[in-house]
Every structure is written in C-alpha cells, then in structure tokens.
Amino acid sequence: MFNVASYPQAEFVAADLKRLADQVKRVTGQMTLVGKANPVILTAAYFKCY
C-alpha cells in the first residue's frame, strides 16, 4: 500500500538506454517508491523524443 502522506513522490532515474537503429527499446534505472529504490527495466513499445 502507498502511504501518500509520508511519501508523496515516486522517482525514476534512468541509467542506460538501449537502442535499435534510431528507436529506444529498453530503459534501465532505479525506481523509488515508498522511500525504497529498486532496479527496473522498462521495455519501450513506443518512444518519442523531442
């Protein structure tokens, strides 16, 4: 359960981007929820950079 009063923010800090041609396919980093950081890998189905 999230304790929003004590931990009102979630944070993701990217550490690495894996590309295939000109598209980002995977992002690795640290996700902090409820004051605890854990490693995560996000797989991109669609990624648009400006």
Protein backbone atom coordinates (compact mmCIF):
# COMPACT_ATOMS: atom_id res chain seq x y z
CA MET A 1 0.00 0.00 0.00
CA PHE A 2 1.23 3.50 -0.80
CA ASN A 3 1.48 5.97 2.07
CA VAL A 4 0.94 9.19 0.10
CA ALA A 5 1.03 11.40 3.21
CA SER A 6 4.55 10.24 4.11
CA TYR A 7 5.83 9.50 0.57
CA PRO A 8 4.10 11.90 -1.85
CA GLN A 9 6.52 11.31 -4.74
CA ALA A 10 7.74 8.49 -6.91
CA GLU A 11 11.04 8.86 -8.76
CA PHE A 12 12.61 7.11 -11.74
CA VAL A 13 16.25 7.81 -12.62
CA ALA A 14 17.38 6.37 -15.95
CA ALA A 15 20.85 4.85 -16.07
CA ASP A 16 21.01 3.42 -19.60
CA LEU A 17 19.10 3.46 -22.91
CA LYS A 18 19.33 0.56 -25.35
CA ARG A 19 18.61 1.48 -28.96
CA LEU A 20 17.80 -0.46 -32.09
CA ALA A 21 18.50 1.72 -35.11
CA ASP A 22 17.06 5.12 -34.11
CA GLN A 23 14.46 3.82 -31.64
CA VAL A 24 14.82 3.39 -27.87
CA LYS A 25 13.90 -0.20 -26.98
CA ARG A 26 14.85 -0.53 -23.29
CA VAL A 27 15.49 1.84 -20.40
CA THR A 28 17.17 0.66 -17.20
CA GLY A 29 17.33 2.63 -13.98
CA GLN A 30 16.20 2.99 -10.36
CA MET A 31 12.56 3.43 -9.30
CA THR A 32 11.99 4.84 -5.81
CA LEU A 33 8.60 4.15 -4.21
CA VAL A 34 7.74 4.50 -0.53
CA GLY A 35 11.34 5.56 0.17
CA LYS A 36 12.91 2.40 -1.27
CA ALA A 37 14.88 2.29 -4.54
CA ASN A 38 14.81 -0.80 -6.75
CA PRO A 39 16.32 -1.54 -10.15
CA VAL A 40 13.83 -1.66 -13.03
CA ILE A 41 13.93 -2.36 -16.76
CA LEU A 42 11.32 -0.65 -18.91
CA THR A 43 10.62 -2.03 -22.39
CA ALA A 44 9.54 0.65 -24.83
CA ALA A 45 6.77 -0.20 -27.29
CA TYR A 46 6.63 3.43 -28.45
CA PHE A 47 9.12 6.18 -27.61
CA LYS A 48 9.08 9.71 -28.98
CA CYS A 49 11.83 12.23 -28.20
CA TYR A 50 11.53 15.91 -28.93
